[in-house]
Every structure is written in structure tokens, then in C-alpha cells.
Amino acid sequence: MKPIRFTKHALSQCIERGTNELEVTEAILNGNRKPAKKGRFEYRYDFQFNGEWQGRSYAIKRVSPIIADSETEIVVITVYTFYF
């Protein structure tokens, strides 16, 4: 497994969108991968959430990191989360 490096932007998006490095790493290791813009890849992984986010209750949290994959490392460019 290649090392996973987070950009500063990705780390700030984790905080802003309610996820963390562990969940993003799990999404990369276990999620569904699909092509994204500029030769990058998006992973999607659903976590059982059963919690509150911004005043509303949700059962599922989807963590979707966008990564650049090189020969030596995986770089997390940004992270999206979706609650439903």
C-alpha cells in the first residue's frame, strides 16, 4: 500500500465537512473508485452515522475523497461528505 498524504486543503475540508483522516483512509481502502476530472479518482464509502449534523439527524454519512494517484503515493486533494 502506498502512503496517503493529505493536502492542507483536504485537511481543512475534513473539519468543515464533518469527517477525519481515519474515515478518508477507510474510504480509499474500501470504497468504490471511479474516474474524476483531471486524471484524478473519487472514492465513495458509506458509514453508518445515526447522528446529527448541522441540526438534522442522518443515518448514513458518505465520505468521498478526491485523490491523485502517483507511483509513490496517494495524495488526497479534497474531501466531500454527504449525509442522508
PDB file of N, CA and C in Angstrom:
ATOM      1  N   MET A   1       0.844  -1.190   0.000  1.00  0.00           N
ATOM      2  CA  MET A   1       0.000   0.000   0.000  1.00  0.00           C
ATOM      3  C   MET A   1       0.883   1.246   0.000  1.00  0.00           C
ATOM      4  N   LYS A   2       0.577   2.148  -0.888  1.00  0.00           N
ATOM      5  CA  LYS A   2       1.305   3.416  -0.967  1.00  0.00           C
ATOM      6  C   LYS A   2       0.905   4.316   0.204  1.00  0.00           C
ATOM      7  N   PRO A   3       1.812   5.169   0.642  1.00  0.00           N
ATOM      8  CA  PRO A   3       1.426   6.130   1.689  1.00  0.00           C
ATOM      9  C   PRO A   3       0.369   7.101   1.176  1.00  0.00           C
ATOM     10  N   ILE A   4      -0.473   7.553   2.104  1.00  0.00           N
ATOM     11  CA  ILE A   4      -1.525   8.515   1.789  1.00  0.00           C
ATOM     12  C   ILE A   4      -1.127   9.847   2.409  1.00  0.00           C
ATOM     13  N   ARG A   5      -1.065  10.886   1.560  1.00  0.00           N
ATOM     14  CA  ARG A   5      -0.709  12.226   2.017  1.00  0.00           C
ATOM     15  C   ARG A   5      -1.902  13.146   1.819  1.00  0.00           C
ATOM     16  N   PHE A   6      -2.194  13.952   2.817  1.00  0.00           N
ATOM     17  CA  PHE A   6      -3.313  14.901   2.766  1.00  0.00           C
ATOM     18  C   PHE A   6      -2.776  16.302   2.494  1.00  0.00           C
ATOM     19  N   THR A   7      -3.370  16.994   1.532  1.00  0.00           N
ATOM     20  CA  THR A   7      -3.035  18.401   1.332  1.00  0.00           C
ATOM     21  C   THR A   7      -3.646  19.209   2.482  1.00  0.00           C
ATOM     22  N   LYS A   8      -3.170  20.428   2.672  1.00  0.00           N
ATOM     23  CA  LYS A   8      -3.754  21.305   3.688  1.00  0.00           C
ATOM     24  C   LYS A   8      -5.227  21.551   3.399  1.00  0.00           C
ATOM     25  N   HIS A   9      -5.540  21.715   2.122  1.00  0.00           N
ATOM     26  CA  HIS A   9      -6.939  21.928   1.727  1.00  0.00           C
ATOM     27  C   HIS A   9      -7.801  20.731   2.137  1.00  0.00           C
ATOM     28  N   ALA A  10      -7.331  19.528   1.874  1.00  0.00           N
ATOM     29  CA  ALA A  10      -8.094  18.331   2.218  1.00  0.00           C
ATOM     30  C   ALA A  10      -8.320  18.242   3.723  1.00  0.00           C
ATOM     31  N   LEU A  11      -7.310  18.544   4.515  1.00  0.00           N
ATOM     32  CA  LEU A  11      -7.452  18.504   5.971  1.00  0.00           C
ATOM     33  C   LEU A  11      -8.468  19.528   6.459  1.00  0.00           C
ATOM     34  N   SER A  12      -8.457  20.718   5.879  1.00  0.00           N
ATOM     35  CA  SER A  12      -9.439  21.730   6.298  1.00  0.00           C
ATOM     36  C   SER A  12     -10.846  21.330   5.871  1.00  0.00           C
ATOM     37  N   GLN A  13     -10.971  20.679   4.712  1.00  0.00           N
ATOM     38  CA  GLN A  13     -12.286  20.223   4.256  1.00  0.00           C
ATOM     39  C   GLN A  13     -12.821  19.094   5.140  1.00  0.00           C
ATOM     40  N   CYS A  14     -11.944  18.263   5.653  1.00  0.00           N
ATOM     41  CA  CYS A  14     -12.377  17.216   6.593  1.00  0.00           C
ATOM     42  C   CYS A  14     -13.072  17.849   7.796  1.00  0.00           C
ATOM     43  N   ILE A  15     -12.438  18.849   8.373  1.00  0.00           N
ATOM     44  CA  ILE A  15     -13.008  19.517   9.548  1.00  0.00           C
ATOM     45  C   ILE A  15     -14.320  20.202   9.186  1.00  0.00           C
ATOM     46  N   GLU A  16     -14.322  20.928   8.096  1.00  0.00           N
ATOM     47  CA  GLU A  16     -15.502  21.687   7.689  1.00  0.00           C
ATOM     48  C   GLU A  16     -16.684  20.782   7.347  1.00  0.00           C
ATOM     49  N   ARG A  17     -16.391  19.588   6.840  1.00  0.00           N
ATOM     50  CA  ARG A  17     -17.462  18.716   6.345  1.00  0.00           C
ATOM     51  C   ARG A  17     -17.746  17.525   7.247  1.00  0.00           C
ATOM     52  N   GLY A  18     -17.131  17.486   8.419  1.00  0.00           N
ATOM     53  CA  GLY A  18     -17.516  16.506   9.430  1.00  0.00           C
ATOM     54  C   GLY A  18     -16.922  15.121   9.284  1.00  0.00           C
ATOM     55  N   THR A  19     -15.706  15.027   8.796  1.00  0.00           N
ATOM     56  CA  THR A  19     -15.046  13.730   8.711  1.00  0.00           C
ATOM     57  C   THR A  19     -13.624  13.868   9.243  1.00  0.00           C
ATOM     58  N   ASN A  20     -12.819  12.831   9.092  1.00  0.00           N
ATOM     59  CA  ASN A  20     -11.450  12.873   9.605  1.00  0.00           C
ATOM     60  C   ASN A  20     -10.546  11.990   8.748  1.00  0.00           C
ATOM     61  N   GLU A  21      -9.260  12.006   9.042  1.00  0.00           N
ATOM     62  CA  GLU A  21      -8.280  11.269   8.250  1.00  0.00           C
ATOM     63  C   GLU A  21      -8.533   9.758   8.278  1.00  0.00           C
ATOM     64  N   LEU A  22      -8.984   9.231   9.414  1.00  0.00           N
ATOM     65  CA  LEU A  22      -9.251   7.791   9.500  1.00  0.00           C
ATOM     66  C   LEU A  22     -10.379   7.364   8.574  1.00  0.00           C
ATOM     67  N   GLU A  23     -11.463   8.138   8.555  1.00  0.00           N
ATOM     68  CA  GLU A  23     -12.582   7.807   7.666  1.00  0.00           C
ATOM     69  C   GLU A  23     -12.186   7.954   6.201  1.00  0.00           C
ATOM     70  N   VAL A  24     -11.414   8.976   5.881  1.00  0.00           N
ATOM     71  CA  VAL A  24     -10.973   9.157   4.498  1.00  0.00           C
ATOM     72  C   VAL A  24     -10.083   7.990   4.076  1.00  0.00           C
ATOM     73  N   THR A  25      -9.186   7.589   4.943  1.00  0.00           N
ATOM     74  CA  THR A  25      -8.317   6.446   4.639  1.00  0.00           C
ATOM     75  C   THR A  25      -9.140   5.183   4.433  1.00  0.00           C
ATOM     76  N   GLU A  26     -10.136   4.962   5.278  1.00  0.00           N
ATOM     77  CA  GLU A  26     -11.007   3.793   5.109  1.00  0.00           C
ATOM     78  C   GLU A  26     -11.772   3.859   3.791  1.00  0.00           C
ATOM     79  N   ALA A  27     -12.213   5.060   3.417  1.00  0.00           N
ATOM     80  CA  ALA A  27     -12.909   5.223   2.139  1.00  0.00           C
ATOM     81  C   ALA A  27     -11.993   4.863   0.969  1.00  0.00           C
ATOM     82  N   ILE A  28     -10.727   5.242   1.061  1.00  0.00           N
ATOM     83  CA  ILE A  28      -9.778   4.922  -0.006  1.00  0.00           C
ATOM     84  C   ILE A  28      -9.504   3.423  -0.053  1.00  0.00           C
ATOM     85  N   LEU A  29      -9.363   2.814   1.101  1.00  0.00           N
ATOM     86  CA  LEU A  29      -9.037   1.384   1.151  1.00  0.00           C
ATOM     87  C   LEU A  29     -10.218   0.487   0.783  1.00  0.00           C
ATOM     88  N   ASN A  30     -11.435   0.906   1.133  1.00  0.00           N
ATOM     89  CA  ASN A  30     -12.594   0.020   0.985  1.00  0.00           C
ATOM     90  C   ASN A  30     -13.699   0.538   0.076  1.00  0.00           C
ATOM     91  N   GLY A  31     -13.590   1.782  -0.388  1.00  0.00           N
ATOM     92  CA  GLY A  31     -14.670   2.374  -1.157  1.00  0.00           C
ATOM     93  C   GLY A  31     -14.634   2.025  -2.631  1.00  0.00           C
ATOM     94  N   ASN A  32     -15.675   2.453  -3.317  1.00  0.00           N
ATOM     95  CA  ASN A  32     -15.765   2.293  -4.766  1.00  0.00           C
ATOM     96  C   ASN A  32     -15.006   3.421  -5.435  1.00  0.00           C
ATOM     97  N   ARG A  33     -14.169   3.076  -6.399  1.00  0.00           N
ATOM     98  CA  ARG A  33     -13.333   4.057  -7.097  1.00  0.00           C
ATOM     99  C   ARG A  33     -13.906   4.324  -8.479  1.00  0.00           C
ATOM    100  N   LYS A  34     -13.928   5.613  -8.845  1.00  0.00           N
ATOM    101  CA  LYS A  34     -14.363   5.969 -10.191  1.00  0.00           C
ATOM    102  C   LYS A  34     -13.520   7.146 -10.687  1.00  0.00           C
ATOM    103  N   PRO A  35     -13.379   7.288 -11.995  1.00  0.00           N
ATOM    104  CA  PRO A  35     -12.594   8.396 -12.543  1.00  0.00           C
ATOM    105  C   PRO A  35     -13.226   9.746 -12.212  1.00  0.00           C
ATOM    106  N   ALA A  36     -12.376  10.739 -12.013  1.00  0.00           N
ATOM    107  CA  ALA A  36     -12.813  12.110 -11.786  1.00  0.00           C
ATOM    108  C   ALA A  36     -12.079  13.015 -12.781  1.00  0.00           C
ATOM    109  N   LYS A  37     -12.288  14.299 -12.684  1.00  0.00           N
ATOM    110  CA  LYS A  37     -11.651  15.254 -13.601  1.00  0.00           C
ATOM    111  C   LYS A  37     -10.139  15.278 -13.416  1.00  0.00           C
ATOM    112  N   LYS A  38      -9.448  15.702 -14.465  1.00  0.00           N
ATOM    113  CA  LYS A  38      -8.004  15.935 -14.463  1.00  0.00           C
ATOM    114  C   LYS A  38      -7.184  14.694 -14.120  1.00  0.00           C
ATOM    115  N   GLY A  39      -7.683  13.513 -14.482  1.00  0.00           N
ATOM    116  CA  GLY A  39      -6.946  12.285 -14.244  1.00  0.00           C
ATOM    117  C   GLY A  39      -6.952  11.823 -12.796  1.00  0.00           C
ATOM    118  N   ARG A  40      -7.794  12.400 -12.004  1.00  0.00           N
ATOM    119  CA  ARG A  40      -7.898  12.028 -10.593  1.00  0.00           C
ATOM    120  C   ARG A  40      -8.955  10.953 -10.407  1.00  0.00           C
ATOM    121  N   PHE A  41      -9.106  10.506  -9.167  1.00  0.00           N
ATOM    122  CA  PHE A  41     -10.093   9.488  -8.844  1.00  0.00           C
ATOM    123  C   PHE A  41     -10.908   9.915  -7.635  1.00  0.00           C
ATOM    124  N   GLU A  42     -12.171   9.493  -7.631  1.00  0.00           N
ATOM    125  CA  GLU A  42     -13.063   9.708  -6.493  1.00  0.00           C
ATOM    126  C   GLU A  42     -13.382   8.361  -5.877  1.00  0.00           C
ATOM    127  N   TYR A  43     -13.328   8.307  -4.568  1.00  0.00           N
ATOM    128  CA  TYR A  43     -13.777   7.130  -3.830  1.00  0.00           C
ATOM    129  C   TYR A  43     -15.071   7.482  -3.124  1.00  0.00           C
ATOM    130  N   ARG A  44     -15.921   6.490  -2.957  1.00  0.00           N
ATOM    131  CA  ARG A  44     -17.179   6.672  -2.215  1.00  0.00           C
ATOM    132  C   ARG A  44     -17.325   5.532  -1.231  1.00  0.00           C
ATOM    133  N   TYR A  45     -17.553   5.913   0.018  1.00  0.00           N
ATOM    134  CA  TYR A  45     -17.740   4.897   1.052  1.00  0.00           C
ATOM    135  C   TYR A  45     -18.785   5.400   2.041  1.00  0.00           C
ATOM    136  N   ASP A  46     -19.779   4.560   2.338  1.00  0.00           N
ATOM    137  CA  ASP A  46     -20.860   4.922   3.250  1.00  0.00           C
ATOM    138  C   ASP A  46     -20.597   4.375   4.643  1.00  0.00           C
ATOM    139  N   PHE A  47     -20.689   5.253   5.628  1.00  0.00           N
ATOM    140  CA  PHE A  47     -20.552   4.888   7.031  1.00  0.00           C
ATOM    141  C   PHE A  47     -21.912   4.939   7.701  1.00  0.00           C
ATOM    142  N   GLN A  48     -22.156   4.020   8.613  1.00  0.00           N
ATOM    143  CA  GLN A  48     -23.345   4.099   9.454  1.00  0.00           C
ATOM    144  C   GLN A  48     -23.123   5.297  10.374  1.00  0.00           C
ATOM    145  N   PHE A  49     -24.003   6.271  10.349  1.00  0.00           N
ATOM    146  CA  PHE A  49     -23.793   7.513  11.088  1.00  0.00           C
ATOM    147  C   PHE A  49     -24.731   7.620  12.288  1.00  0.00           C
ATOM    148  N   ASN A  50     -26.031   7.535  12.027  1.00  0.00           N
ATOM    149  CA  ASN A  50     -27.043   7.622  13.081  1.00  0.00           C
ATOM    150  C   ASN A  50     -26.742   8.750  14.062  1.00  0.00           C
ATOM    151  N   GLY A  51     -26.530   9.927  13.516  1.00  0.00           N
ATOM    152  CA  GLY A  51     -26.199  11.072  14.345  1.00  0.00           C
ATOM    153  C   GLY A  51     -26.754  12.347  13.774  1.00  0.00           C
ATOM    154  N   GLU A  52     -26.324  13.443  14.387  1.00  0.00           N
ATOM    155  CA  GLU A  52     -26.805  14.755  13.982  1.00  0.00           C
ATOM    156  C   GLU A  52     -25.675  15.532  13.324  1.00  0.00           C
ATOM    157  N   TRP A  53     -26.006  16.192  12.227  1.00  0.00           N
ATOM    158  CA  TRP A  53     -25.069  17.074  11.547  1.00  0.00           C
ATOM    159  C   TRP A  53     -25.801  18.356  11.200  1.00  0.00           C
ATOM    160  N   GLN A  54     -25.303  19.466  11.686  1.00  0.00           N
ATOM    161  CA  GLN A  54     -25.877  20.788  11.457  1.00  0.00           C
ATOM    162  C   GLN A  54     -27.376  20.837  11.774  1.00  0.00           C
ATOM    163  N   GLY A  55     -27.722  20.259  12.922  1.00  0.00           N
ATOM    164  CA  GLY A  55     -29.084  20.340  13.427  1.00  0.00           C
ATOM    165  C   GLY A  55     -30.083  19.360  12.853  1.00  0.00           C
ATOM    166  N   ARG A  56     -29.619  18.428  12.002  1.00  0.00           N
ATOM    167  CA  ARG A  56     -30.527  17.439  11.416  1.00  0.00           C
ATOM    168  C   ARG A  56     -29.979  16.039  11.661  1.00  0.00           C
ATOM    169  N   SER A  57     -30.870  15.085  11.762  1.00  0.00           N
ATOM    170  CA  SER A  57     -30.482  13.697  12.005  1.00  0.00           C
ATOM    171  C   SER A  57     -30.308  12.946  10.695  1.00  0.00           C
ATOM    172  N   TYR A  58     -29.250  12.133  10.635  1.00  0.00           N
ATOM    173  CA  TYR A  58     -28.962  11.347   9.439  1.00  0.00           C
ATOM    174  C   TYR A  58     -28.528   9.940   9.845  1.00  0.00           C
ATOM    175  N   ALA A  59     -28.881   8.971   9.012  1.00  0.00           N
ATOM    176  CA  ALA A  59     -28.498   7.581   9.264  1.00  0.00           C
ATOM    177  C   ALA A  59     -27.148   7.237   8.624  1.00  0.00           C
ATOM    178  N   ILE A  60     -26.866   7.827   7.477  1.00  0.00           N
ATOM    179  CA  ILE A  60     -25.681   7.464   6.695  1.00  0.00           C
ATOM    180  C   ILE A  60     -24.836   8.711   6.415  1.00  0.00           C
ATOM    181  N   LYS A  61     -23.518   8.518   6.452  1.00  0.00           N
ATOM    182  CA  LYS A  61     -22.582   9.563   6.028  1.00  0.00           C
ATOM    183  C   LYS A  61     -21.705   8.965   4.936  1.00  0.00           C
ATOM    184  N   ARG A  62     -21.713   9.586   3.751  1.00  0.00           N
ATOM    185  CA  ARG A  62     -20.863   9.157   2.645  1.00  0.00           C
ATOM    186  C   ARG A  62     -19.624  10.044   2.611  1.00  0.00           C
ATOM    187  N   VAL A  63     -18.460   9.417   2.663  1.00  0.00           N
ATOM    188  CA  VAL A  63     -17.196  10.133   2.578  1.00  0.00           C
ATOM    189  C   VAL A  63     -16.637   9.893   1.184  1.00  0.00           C
ATOM    190  N   SER A  64     -16.321  10.991   0.477  1.00  0.00           N
ATOM    191  CA  SER A  64     -15.869  10.916  -0.916  1.00  0.00           C
ATOM    192  C   SER A  64     -14.598  11.737  -1.122  1.00  0.00           C
ATOM    193  N   PRO A  65     -13.442  11.121  -0.887  1.00  0.00           N
ATOM    194  CA  PRO A  65     -12.198  11.839  -1.176  1.00  0.00           C
ATOM    195  C   PRO A  65     -11.888  11.846  -2.671  1.00  0.00           C
ATOM    196  N   ILE A  66     -11.282  12.928  -3.115  1.00  0.00           N
ATOM    197  CA  ILE A  66     -10.753  13.043  -4.477  1.00  0.00           C
ATOM    198  C   ILE A  66      -9.239  12.935  -4.359  1.00  0.00           C
ATOM    199  N   ILE A  67      -8.648  11.990  -5.101  1.00  0.00           N
ATOM    200  CA  ILE A  67      -7.223  11.733  -4.941  1.00  0.00           C
ATOM    201  C   ILE A  67      -6.477  11.824  -6.273  1.00  0.00           C
ATOM    202  N   ALA A  68      -5.186  12.092  -6.156  1.00  0.00           N
ATOM    203  CA  ALA A  68      -4.259  11.978  -7.283  1.00  0.00           C
ATOM    204  C   ALA A  68      -3.382  10.781  -6.961  1.00  0.00           C
ATOM    205  N   ASP A  69      -3.305   9.837  -7.868  1.00  0.00           N
ATOM    206  CA  ASP A  69      -2.570   8.595  -7.655  1.00  0.00           C
ATOM    207  C   ASP A  69      -1.264   8.634  -8.441  1.00  0.00           C
ATOM    208  N   SER A  70      -0.140   8.595  -7.738  1.00  0.00           N
ATOM    209  CA  SER A  70       1.154   8.574  -8.411  1.00  0.00           C
ATOM    210  C   SER A  70       1.822   7.225  -8.141  1.00  0.00           C
ATOM    211  N   GLU A  71       2.994   7.029  -8.683  1.00  0.00           N
ATOM    212  CA  GLU A  71       3.709   5.764  -8.476  1.00  0.00           C
ATOM    213  C   GLU A  71       4.147   5.583  -7.033  1.00  0.00           C
ATOM    214  N   THR A  72       4.349   6.682  -6.313  1.00  0.00           N
ATOM    215  CA  THR A  72       4.916   6.589  -4.976  1.00  0.00           C
ATOM    216  C   THR A  72       3.952   6.893  -3.835  1.00  0.00           C
ATOM    217  N   GLU A  73       2.840   7.605  -4.126  1.00  0.00           N
ATOM    218  CA  GLU A  73       1.925   7.974  -3.050  1.00  0.00           C
ATOM    219  C   GLU A  73       0.530   8.278  -3.584  1.00  0.00           C
ATOM    220  N   ILE A  74      -0.412   8.317  -2.657  1.00  0.00           N
ATOM    221  CA  ILE A  74      -1.775   8.765  -2.931  1.00  0.00           C
ATOM    222  C   ILE A  74      -1.918  10.122  -2.256  1.00  0.00           C
ATOM    223  N   VAL A  75      -2.296  11.130  -3.028  1.00  0.00           N
ATOM    224  CA  VAL A  75      -2.455  12.478  -2.481  1.00  0.00           C
ATOM    225  C   VAL A  75      -3.944  12.807  -2.436  1.00  0.00           C
ATOM    226  N   VAL A  76      -4.448  13.083  -1.235  1.00  0.00           N
ATOM    227  CA  VAL A  76      -5.847  13.474  -1.081  1.00  0.00           C
ATOM    228  C   VAL A  76      -5.927  14.970  -1.376  1.00  0.00           C
ATOM    229  N   ILE A  77      -6.663  15.305  -2.442  1.00  0.00           N
ATOM    230  CA  ILE A  77      -6.782  16.682  -2.912  1.00  0.00           C
ATOM    231  C   ILE A  77      -7.883  17.426  -2.159  1.00  0.00           C
ATOM    232  N   THR A  78      -9.046  16.804  -2.053  1.00  0.00           N
ATOM    233  CA  THR A  78     -10.170  17.379  -1.317  1.00  0.00           C
ATOM    234  C   THR A  78     -11.062  16.246  -0.841  1.00  0.00           C
ATOM    235  N   VAL A  79     -12.003  16.582   0.019  1.00  0.00           N
ATOM    236  CA  VAL A  79     -12.899  15.579   0.598  1.00  0.00           C
ATOM    237  C   VAL A  79     -14.314  16.155   0.616  1.00  0.00           C
ATOM    238  N   TYR A  80     -15.267  15.356   0.146  1.00  0.00           N
ATOM    239  CA  TYR A  80     -16.692  15.705   0.222  1.00  0.00           C
ATOM    240  C   TYR A  80     -17.369  14.742   1.174  1.00  0.00           C
ATOM    241  N   THR A  81     -18.387  15.219   1.872  1.00  0.00           N
ATOM    242  CA  THR A  81     -19.241  14.334   2.662  1.00  0.00           C
ATOM    243  C   THR A  81     -20.687  14.622   2.311  1.00  0.00           C
ATOM    244  N   PHE A  82     -21.474  13.578   2.345  1.00  0.00           N
ATOM    245  CA  PHE A  82     -22.903  13.673   2.060  1.00  0.00           C
ATOM    246  C   PHE A  82     -23.633  12.939   3.161  1.00  0.00           C
ATOM    247  N   TYR A  83     -24.667  13.547   3.661  1.00  0.00           N
ATOM    248  CA  TYR A  83     -25.450  12.958   4.754  1.00  0.00           C
ATOM    249  C   TYR A  83     -26.832  12.639   4.240  1.00  0.00           C
ATOM    250  N   PHE A  84     -27.315  11.439   4.537  1.00  0.00           N
ATOM    251  CA  PHE A  84     -28.690  11.073   4.170  1.00  0.00           C
ATOM    252  C   PHE A  84     -29.184   9.961   5.055  1.00  0.00           C
TER     253      PHE A  84
END
